Protein backbone atom coordinates (compact mmCIF):
# COMPACT_ATOMS: atom_id res chain seq x y z
CA MET A 1 123.95 88.13 30.35
CA LYS A 2 123.09 88.77 26.68
CA VAL A 3 120.88 85.66 26.70
CA LEU A 4 118.94 86.94 29.71
CA THR A 5 118.55 90.39 28.13
CA ARG A 6 117.28 88.86 24.89
CA ALA A 7 114.89 86.59 26.79
CA ILE A 8 113.46 89.56 28.69
CA ALA A 9 113.16 91.54 25.46
CA SER A 10 111.34 88.65 23.81
CA ILE A 11 108.95 88.29 26.73
CA ALA A 12 108.27 92.03 26.79
CA GLY A 13 107.71 92.03 23.04
CA LEU A 14 105.27 89.15 23.24
CA ALA A 15 103.46 90.79 26.13
CA ALA A 16 103.19 94.01 24.13
CA LEU A 17 101.72 92.13 21.18
CA ALA A 18 99.24 90.34 23.41
CA TYR A 19 98.20 93.60 25.06
CA SER A 20 97.93 95.47 21.77
CA ALA A 21 95.03 93.24 20.76
CA SER A 22 93.18 94.60 23.79
CA ALA A 23 95.01 97.85 24.54
CA ASP A 24 94.38 99.45 27.90
CA ASP A 25 95.42 102.75 29.43
CA TYR A 26 96.96 102.85 32.91
CA GLN A 27 97.57 105.79 35.24
CA CYS A 28 100.31 105.92 37.85
CA THR A 29 98.75 106.42 41.30
CA SER A 30 101.81 105.92 43.50
CA ASP A 31 103.37 108.92 45.25
CA LYS A 32 106.77 107.25 44.67
CA GLY A 33 106.14 106.92 40.93
CA CYS A 34 105.71 103.81 38.79
CA ASP A 35 107.95 101.79 36.50
CA ALA A 36 106.96 100.55 33.05
CA LEU A 37 108.80 98.52 30.45
CA VAL A 38 109.00 99.12 26.73
CA SER A 39 110.76 97.06 24.10
CA THR A 40 113.40 98.88 22.05
CA ASP A 41 115.83 97.83 19.33
CA GLY A 42 118.51 97.49 22.00
CA GLY A 43 116.38 95.38 24.36
CA VAL A 44 113.99 96.30 27.13
CA LYS A 45 114.00 99.76 28.66
CA ARG A 46 112.61 100.50 32.14
CA VAL A 47 111.16 104.00 32.51
CA LYS A 48 110.09 105.74 35.71
CA PHE A 49 106.82 107.70 35.56
CA ARG A 50 105.41 110.25 37.99
CA LYS A 51 102.06 110.08 39.75
CA GLY A 52 99.32 111.06 37.30
CA ASP A 53 101.16 109.93 34.16
CA ILE A 54 99.24 107.68 31.76
CA VAL A 55 100.62 104.99 29.45
CA SER A 56 98.93 102.72 26.93
CA THR A 57 99.64 99.05 26.39
CA GLY A 58 98.66 99.71 22.77
CA SER A 59 101.86 101.76 22.45
CA GLY A 60 103.98 98.87 23.66
CA TRP A 61 104.20 99.70 27.36
CA VAL A 62 104.11 96.83 29.83
CA VAL A 63 102.96 97.76 33.33
CA ASN A 64 102.58 95.90 36.60
CA PRO A 65 99.39 96.89 38.49
CA SER A 66 101.04 96.03 41.81
CA ASP A 67 103.59 98.80 41.09
CA GLY A 68 100.93 101.52 41.41
CA TRP A 69 99.30 101.39 37.97
CA ASP A 70 95.49 101.60 37.85
CA LYS A 71 93.48 100.85 34.72
CA VAL A 72 91.76 103.91 33.27
CA ASP A 73 88.25 103.50 31.85
């Protein structure tokens, strides 16, 4: 299980680095809320956001557009 957690943390960290080169802002548009991932010292943390909340990939957040996230201009 630790290996899987570390693998996910590594992937999330790499994704955050890749996105930080071209940081984008995303807004949650789902009435049910949206999930986003962020890498922490202890691994990857999943956080639930409410409709209207905005996150930035430049701050390390990893979002899935099919989960209700829309890119903000």
